[in-house]
Amino acid sequence: MTDSLLQEQCKMLKLGSVSQTYNEIPFESREQFLTDLFAEELRNREKNRHRRRLKRAGVSPPDQNARGVLMGQHHIAAPPDHDRTPDRTEVHR
């Protein structure tokens, strides 16, 4: 099978990373090869999903925002006006 045909078929099946990773996966059986190949596809999809969610939330990745705070594996960016203190002169009763 040619690489271009494989890439086209993977695109049609929405298996984006398969055509790029199938040569890198060592295997001893067909079943093990497919299991590892699909596991890699699932990992790539999860990474992409995470990146899209961060982008949609307006959160910058850690290496792009020096004002952010790292909390576990997630990067939380401080809002631009985070240095302001709340106005406490007015008390509501």
Protein backbone atom coordinates (compact mmCIF):
# COMPACT_ATOMS: atom_id res chain seq x y z
CA MET A 1 0.00 0.00 0.00
CA THR A 2 1.39 3.40 -0.90
CA ASP A 3 1.83 6.09 1.71
CA SER A 4 -0.46 8.49 -0.13
CA LEU A 5 -3.25 5.88 -0.30
CA LEU A 6 -2.82 5.11 3.40
CA GLN A 7 -2.90 8.81 4.28
CA GLU A 8 -6.06 9.32 2.21
CA GLN A 9 -7.79 6.32 3.80
CA CYS A 10 -6.80 7.44 7.31
CA LYS A 11 -8.14 10.91 6.53
CA MET A 12 -11.46 9.47 5.33
CA LEU A 13 -11.71 7.30 8.46
CA LYS A 14 -10.68 10.24 10.67
CA LEU A 15 -7.62 8.40 11.99
CA GLY A 16 -5.29 11.37 11.70
CA SER A 17 -2.20 10.16 13.51
CA VAL A 18 -2.31 6.53 12.32
CA SER A 19 -0.68 7.28 8.98
CA GLN A 20 2.12 9.12 10.80
CA THR A 21 2.78 6.60 13.58
CA TYR A 22 2.25 3.13 12.11
CA ASN A 23 5.90 2.80 11.03
CA GLU A 24 7.14 3.58 14.56
CA ILE A 25 5.27 0.84 16.39
CA PRO A 26 7.18 -2.42 16.98
CA PHE A 27 5.00 -5.52 17.00
CA GLU A 28 5.01 -9.26 17.38
CA SER A 29 1.46 -9.98 16.22
CA ARG A 30 -1.20 -8.21 14.18
CA GLU A 31 -3.47 -7.90 17.20
CA GLN A 32 -0.74 -6.32 19.32
CA PHE A 33 0.17 -3.95 16.46
CA LEU A 34 -3.43 -2.76 16.06
CA THR A 35 -3.90 -2.44 19.81
CA ASP A 36 -0.78 -0.28 20.15
CA LEU A 37 -1.62 1.72 17.02
CA PHE A 38 -5.13 2.51 18.25
CA ALA A 39 -3.83 3.31 21.75
CA GLU A 40 -1.49 5.89 20.20
CA GLU A 41 -4.39 7.34 18.19
CA LEU A 42 -6.44 7.64 21.38
CA ARG A 43 -3.56 9.37 23.21
CA ASN A 44 -3.21 11.86 20.35
CA ARG A 45 -6.94 12.54 20.34
CA GLU A 46 -6.91 13.17 24.09
CA LYS A 47 -3.97 15.59 23.75
CA ASN A 48 -5.76 17.44 20.96
CA ARG A 49 -9.01 17.53 22.96
CA HIS A 50 -7.16 18.97 25.96
CA ARG A 51 -5.45 21.59 23.79
CA ARG A 52 -8.80 22.61 22.21
CA ARG A 53 -10.45 22.92 25.63
CA LEU A 54 -7.64 25.14 26.92
CA LYS A 55 -7.87 27.30 23.80
CA ARG A 56 -11.65 27.58 24.10
CA ALA A 57 -11.30 28.56 27.77
CA GLY A 58 -8.75 31.22 26.86
CA VAL A 59 -5.99 29.59 28.90
CA SER A 60 -2.48 29.80 27.51
CA PRO A 61 -0.13 26.83 27.63
CA PRO A 62 2.55 27.15 30.35
CA ASP A 63 5.35 28.10 27.98
CA GLN A 64 3.36 31.00 26.49
CA ASN A 65 2.24 32.91 29.58
CA ALA A 66 4.72 34.05 32.22
CA ARG A 67 1.91 35.51 34.40
CA GLY A 68 0.16 32.16 34.79
CA VAL A 69 0.24 29.71 37.65
CA LEU A 70 0.98 26.02 37.28
CA MET A 71 -1.40 23.86 39.28
CA GLY A 72 -0.73 20.13 38.86
CA GLN A 73 -0.72 19.41 35.17
CA HIS A 74 -2.97 22.35 34.29
CA HIS A 75 -1.91 25.89 33.61
CA ILE A 76 -4.18 28.63 34.86
CA ALA A 77 -3.54 32.09 33.50
CA ALA A 78 -4.22 35.07 35.73
CA PRO A 79 -6.68 37.60 34.30
CA PRO A 80 -5.11 40.85 33.05
CA ASP A 81 -6.55 42.88 35.95
CA HIS A 82 -5.55 40.44 38.72
CA ASP A 83 -3.41 43.07 40.49
CA ARG A 84 -6.41 45.25 41.35
CA THR A 85 -7.70 45.12 44.90
CA PRO A 86 -11.46 45.18 45.42
CA ASP A 87 -13.04 48.45 46.46
CA ARG A 88 -14.12 47.92 50.06
CA THR A 89 -15.15 51.49 50.84
CA GLU A 90 -18.82 50.80 50.21
CA VAL A 91 -20.59 48.40 52.59
CA HIS A 92 -24.03 47.08 51.71
CA ARG A 93 -26.48 46.29 54.52
